Amino acid sequence: MESRHVSTVIAAEPDAVYAFAAEPENLPRWASGLAEAEVAREGDLLVVESPMGRVTVRFAPPNEYGVLDHDVTLPSGAVVTNPLRVVAHPHGSEVVFTVRRLDLAAEEFDRDCATVARDLDRLRELVEGGS
């Protein structure tokens, strides 16, 4: 299985980046590959309309390590685990998302990686802009 680490550097402290990215209401603002509309909560699950249809998302519990790993349950019932980390960087923070190819064709995998890169760039713009 092929994996690709997609990252961006954000000129903000890791705690601030983590807090913004971990807030479910912010997901539609920056995570277009996951949330296209308002996020609903069902217990500890998030329910979102995504480009893949209605999915549920379960994030790692809040933590001091910048871990935002999340499991996405697709409409088919398949569960995809997505590693996502906010780590300290000399210029603030680096956000790293690991994209796994799984059963995707090469073109689909490249498209997923490009979507994640755009999403992380949007996260950077929002955090650095103070929005």
Protein backbone atom coordinates (compact mmCIF):
# COMPACT_ATOMS: atom_id res chain seq x y z
CA MET A 1 0.00 0.00 0.00
CA GLU A 2 1.36 3.38 -1.01
CA SER A 3 1.19 6.38 1.32
CA ARG A 4 2.02 10.02 0.73
CA HIS A 5 2.59 12.65 3.40
CA VAL A 6 1.08 15.98 2.42
CA SER A 7 2.02 18.94 4.60
CA THR A 8 2.04 22.68 4.98
CA VAL A 9 3.83 25.05 7.33
CA ILE A 10 1.63 27.52 9.22
CA ALA A 11 3.02 30.64 10.90
CA ALA A 12 1.19 30.01 14.18
CA GLU A 13 1.83 28.08 17.38
CA PRO A 14 0.90 24.39 17.29
CA ASP A 15 -1.73 24.81 20.03
CA ALA A 16 -3.56 27.46 17.97
CA VAL A 17 -3.46 25.38 14.78
CA TYR A 18 -4.62 22.28 16.64
CA ALA A 19 -7.48 24.16 18.33
CA PHE A 20 -8.74 25.56 15.03
CA ALA A 21 -8.43 22.29 13.10
CA ALA A 22 -10.00 20.23 15.92
CA GLU A 23 -13.13 22.40 16.09
CA PRO A 24 -15.85 20.51 14.15
CA GLU A 25 -17.64 23.70 13.12
CA ASN A 26 -14.48 24.78 11.26
CA LEU A 27 -14.28 21.66 9.09
CA PRO A 28 -16.46 22.95 6.23
CA ARG A 29 -14.27 26.07 6.10
CA TRP A 30 -11.07 24.19 5.28
CA ALA A 31 -11.63 20.44 4.81
CA SER A 32 -13.46 20.28 1.46
CA GLY A 33 -12.40 16.67 1.00
CA LEU A 34 -14.37 15.78 4.13
CA ALA A 35 -17.12 18.29 4.91
CA GLU A 36 -19.19 20.24 2.42
CA ALA A 37 -21.82 21.53 4.83
CA GLU A 38 -22.56 22.04 8.51
CA VAL A 39 -21.34 19.31 10.84
CA ALA A 40 -23.87 17.52 13.05
CA ARG A 41 -22.95 15.72 16.26
CA GLU A 42 -24.29 12.33 17.28
CA GLY A 43 -22.59 11.55 20.58
CA ASP A 44 -18.86 11.43 19.89
CA LEU A 45 -19.43 11.03 16.14
CA LEU A 46 -19.58 13.82 13.62
CA VAL A 47 -21.98 13.44 10.72
CA VAL A 48 -21.10 15.33 7.55
CA GLU A 49 -22.12 15.59 3.94
CA SER A 50 -18.94 14.95 2.00
CA PRO A 51 -17.98 14.52 -1.65
CA MET A 52 -18.40 10.77 -0.93
CA GLY A 53 -21.93 11.16 0.46
CA ARG A 54 -23.05 11.16 4.11
CA VAL A 55 -20.18 9.97 6.31
CA THR A 56 -19.46 9.75 10.01
CA VAL A 57 -16.18 10.87 11.51
CA ARG A 58 -14.59 9.98 14.83
CA PHE A 59 -11.53 12.02 15.83
CA ALA A 60 -8.88 10.97 18.32
CA PRO A 61 -9.72 12.31 21.79
CA PRO A 62 -8.39 15.81 22.56
CA ASN A 63 -4.71 15.57 23.38
CA GLU A 64 -1.58 17.65 23.93
CA TYR A 65 0.38 15.96 21.13
CA GLY A 66 -1.33 17.50 18.09
CA VAL A 67 -2.86 14.20 16.99
CA LEU A 68 -6.00 14.71 14.91
CA ASP A 69 -6.22 11.20 13.51
CA HIS A 70 -9.75 10.37 12.43
CA ASP A 71 -11.74 7.42 11.19
CA VAL A 72 -14.21 8.11 8.40
CA THR A 73 -17.04 5.63 7.91
CA LEU A 74 -18.07 5.78 4.27
CA PRO A 75 -21.62 5.24 2.99
CA SER A 76 -20.56 1.66 2.09
CA GLY A 77 -19.70 1.00 5.75
CA ALA A 78 -15.97 0.84 5.04
CA VAL A 79 -13.81 2.68 7.59
CA VAL A 80 -10.80 4.70 6.47
CA THR A 81 -8.25 5.81 9.08
CA ASN A 82 -6.62 9.16 8.33
CA PRO A 83 -3.47 10.17 10.24
CA LEU A 84 -3.34 13.95 10.75
CA ARG A 85 -0.79 15.71 12.96
CA VAL A 86 0.11 19.23 14.01
CA VAL A 87 3.77 19.41 14.99
CA ALA A 88 6.09 22.21 16.04
CA HIS A 89 8.14 23.76 13.24
CA PRO A 90 10.85 26.47 13.35
CA HIS A 91 8.37 28.81 11.62
CA GLY A 92 5.35 27.88 13.76
CA SER A 93 3.66 24.59 12.96
CA GLU A 94 3.61 21.92 10.32
CA VAL A 95 0.39 20.06 9.58
CA VAL A 96 0.96 16.59 8.10
CA PHE A 97 -1.80 14.45 6.59
CA THR A 98 -0.98 10.91 5.49
CA VAL A 99 -2.95 9.90 2.40
CA ARG A 100 -3.16 6.17 1.79
CA ARG A 101 -3.77 4.82 -1.67
CA LEU A 102 -5.79 1.77 -0.59
CA ASP A 103 -7.66 0.56 -3.70
CA LEU A 104 -7.49 3.80 -5.70
CA ALA A 105 -6.18 4.08 -9.23
CA ALA A 106 -3.04 6.21 -9.53
CA GLU A 107 -5.00 9.16 -10.94
CA GLU A 108 -7.53 9.01 -8.08
CA PHE A 109 -4.73 8.86 -5.53
CA ASP A 110 -3.03 11.89 -7.09
CA ARG A 111 -6.38 13.73 -7.08
CA ASP A 112 -6.93 12.89 -3.38
CA CYS A 113 -3.43 14.16 -2.54
CA ALA A 114 -4.06 17.38 -4.47
CA THR A 115 -7.35 17.89 -2.59
CA VAL A 116 -5.59 17.42 0.75
CA ALA A 117 -2.88 19.89 -0.28
CA ARG A 118 -5.53 22.51 -1.17
CA ASP A 119 -7.34 21.85 2.11
CA LEU A 120 -4.16 22.30 4.13
CA ASP A 121 -3.38 25.51 2.24
CA ARG A 122 -6.87 26.77 3.11
CA LEU A 123 -6.27 25.84 6.77
CA ARG A 124 -3.04 27.85 6.68
CA GLU A 125 -4.81 30.86 5.15
CA LEU A 126 -7.56 30.77 7.78
CA VAL A 127 -5.24 30.35 10.77
CA GLU A 128 -2.70 32.91 9.60
CA GLY A 129 -5.48 35.33 8.72
CA GLY A 130 -6.94 34.99 12.21
CA SER A 131 -10.35 33.84 10.97
